[in-house]
Amino acid sequence: MLSQLFGYVKGAFTGAVAEKKGIIDEADGGVLFLDEVHCLPAEGQEMLFTLIDKGIYRRMGEYG
């Protein structure tokens, strides 16, 4: 689920053979409605709240 939301870079996990934009990238400038956020793992909730609070996020496997 996290890879779908945030996207990922090549090599982030087994099977990630190319970079992929996530739903958050696709919704840039629009509205993203999320339901059942409590079902995300704790790491995903933290990533989402950082996005809401600071407006920043990283794709899975992205450093810097």
C-alpha atoms as a PDB file:
ATOM      1  CA  MET A   1       0.000   0.000   0.000  1.00  0.00           C
ATOM      2  CA  LEU A   2       2.796   2.432   0.856  1.00  0.00           C
ATOM      3  CA  SER A   3       4.428   1.951  -2.520  1.00  0.00           C
ATOM      4  CA  GLN A   4       1.107   2.817  -4.173  1.00  0.00           C
ATOM      5  CA  LEU A   5       0.667   5.968  -2.082  1.00  0.00           C
ATOM      6  CA  PHE A   6       4.194   7.336  -2.074  1.00  0.00           C
ATOM      7  CA  GLY A   7       5.722   5.692  -5.131  1.00  0.00           C
ATOM      8  CA  TYR A   8       9.175   4.141  -5.189  1.00  0.00           C
ATOM      9  CA  VAL A   9      12.578   4.268  -6.796  1.00  0.00           C
ATOM     10  CA  LYS A  10      14.321   1.501  -8.689  1.00  0.00           C
ATOM     11  CA  GLY A  11      15.745  -1.070  -6.276  1.00  0.00           C
ATOM     12  CA  ALA A  12      13.597  -0.013  -3.309  1.00  0.00           C
ATOM     13  CA  PHE A  13      12.413  -3.600  -2.899  1.00  0.00           C
ATOM     14  CA  THR A  14      12.396  -6.877  -4.797  1.00  0.00           C
ATOM     15  CA  GLY A  15      10.536  -6.310  -8.027  1.00  0.00           C
ATOM     16  CA  ALA A  16      11.069  -2.540  -8.148  1.00  0.00           C
ATOM     17  CA  VAL A  17      12.812  -2.538 -11.519  1.00  0.00           C
ATOM     18  CA  ALA A  18      11.904   1.052 -12.418  1.00  0.00           C
ATOM     19  CA  GLU A  19      10.898   4.286 -10.703  1.00  0.00           C
ATOM     20  CA  LYS A  20       7.151   4.692 -10.190  1.00  0.00           C
ATOM     21  CA  LYS A  21       5.099   7.727  -9.207  1.00  0.00           C
ATOM     22  CA  GLY A  22       2.636   7.240  -6.392  1.00  0.00           C
ATOM     23  CA  ILE A  23      -0.942   8.374  -5.958  1.00  0.00           C
ATOM     24  CA  ILE A  24       0.279  11.417  -4.021  1.00  0.00           C
ATOM     25  CA  ASP A  25       2.320  12.553  -7.051  1.00  0.00           C
ATOM     26  CA  GLU A  26      -0.663  12.000  -9.307  1.00  0.00           C
ATOM     27  CA  ALA A  27      -2.928  14.085  -7.051  1.00  0.00           C
ATOM     28  CA  ASP A  28      -0.520  17.047  -6.943  1.00  0.00           C
ATOM     29  CA  GLY A  29      -2.627  20.187  -7.215  1.00  0.00           C
ATOM     30  CA  GLY A  30      -5.826  18.250  -6.651  1.00  0.00           C
ATOM     31  CA  VAL A  31      -7.636  16.525  -3.824  1.00  0.00           C
ATOM     32  CA  LEU A  32      -6.600  13.188  -2.370  1.00  0.00           C
ATOM     33  CA  PHE A  33      -9.251  11.522  -0.235  1.00  0.00           C
ATOM     34  CA  LEU A  34      -7.922   8.862   2.115  1.00  0.00           C
ATOM     35  CA  ASP A  35     -10.121   6.611   4.217  1.00  0.00           C
ATOM     36  CA  GLU A  36      -9.121   4.009   6.794  1.00  0.00           C
ATOM     37  CA  VAL A  37      -5.731   5.635   7.454  1.00  0.00           C
ATOM     38  CA  HIS A  38      -5.584   3.737  10.735  1.00  0.00           C
ATOM     39  CA  CYS A  39      -5.117   0.544   8.686  1.00  0.00           C
ATOM     40  CA  LEU A  40      -1.733   1.753   7.435  1.00  0.00           C
ATOM     41  CA  PRO A  41       1.319   0.447   9.297  1.00  0.00           C
ATOM     42  CA  ALA A  42       2.796   2.866  11.844  1.00  0.00           C
ATOM     43  CA  GLU A  43       5.583   3.821   9.403  1.00  0.00           C
ATOM     44  CA  GLY A  44       3.018   4.717   6.752  1.00  0.00           C
ATOM     45  CA  GLN A  45       0.972   6.809   9.167  1.00  0.00           C
ATOM     46  CA  GLU A  46       4.108   8.701  10.160  1.00  0.00           C
ATOM     47  CA  MET A  47       4.994   9.316   6.501  1.00  0.00           C
ATOM     48  CA  LEU A  48       1.474  10.554   5.798  1.00  0.00           C
ATOM     49  CA  PHE A  49       1.392  12.868   8.820  1.00  0.00           C
ATOM     50  CA  THR A  50       4.787  14.316   7.824  1.00  0.00           C
ATOM     51  CA  LEU A  51       3.305  15.065   4.414  1.00  0.00           C
ATOM     52  CA  ILE A  52       0.287  16.757   5.984  1.00  0.00           C
ATOM     53  CA  ASP A  53       2.334  18.662   8.573  1.00  0.00           C
ATOM     54  CA  LYS A  54       5.379  19.716   6.539  1.00  0.00           C
ATOM     55  CA  GLY A  55       4.315  19.143   2.951  1.00  0.00           C
ATOM     56  CA  ILE A  56       7.238  16.834   2.236  1.00  0.00           C
ATOM     57  CA  TYR A  57       7.632  13.136   1.589  1.00  0.00           C
ATOM     58  CA  ARG A  58      10.018  10.665  -0.007  1.00  0.00           C
ATOM     59  CA  ARG A  59       9.297   7.796  -2.310  1.00  0.00           C
ATOM     60  CA  MET A  60      10.088   4.382  -0.917  1.00  0.00           C
ATOM     61  CA  GLY A  61      13.821   3.740  -1.233  1.00  0.00           C
ATOM     62  CA  GLU A  62      14.602   7.434  -1.728  1.00  0.00           C
ATOM     63  CA  TYR A  63      17.220   8.982   0.535  1.00  0.00           C
ATOM     64  CA  GLY A  64      18.392  12.496   1.069  1.00  0.00           C
END
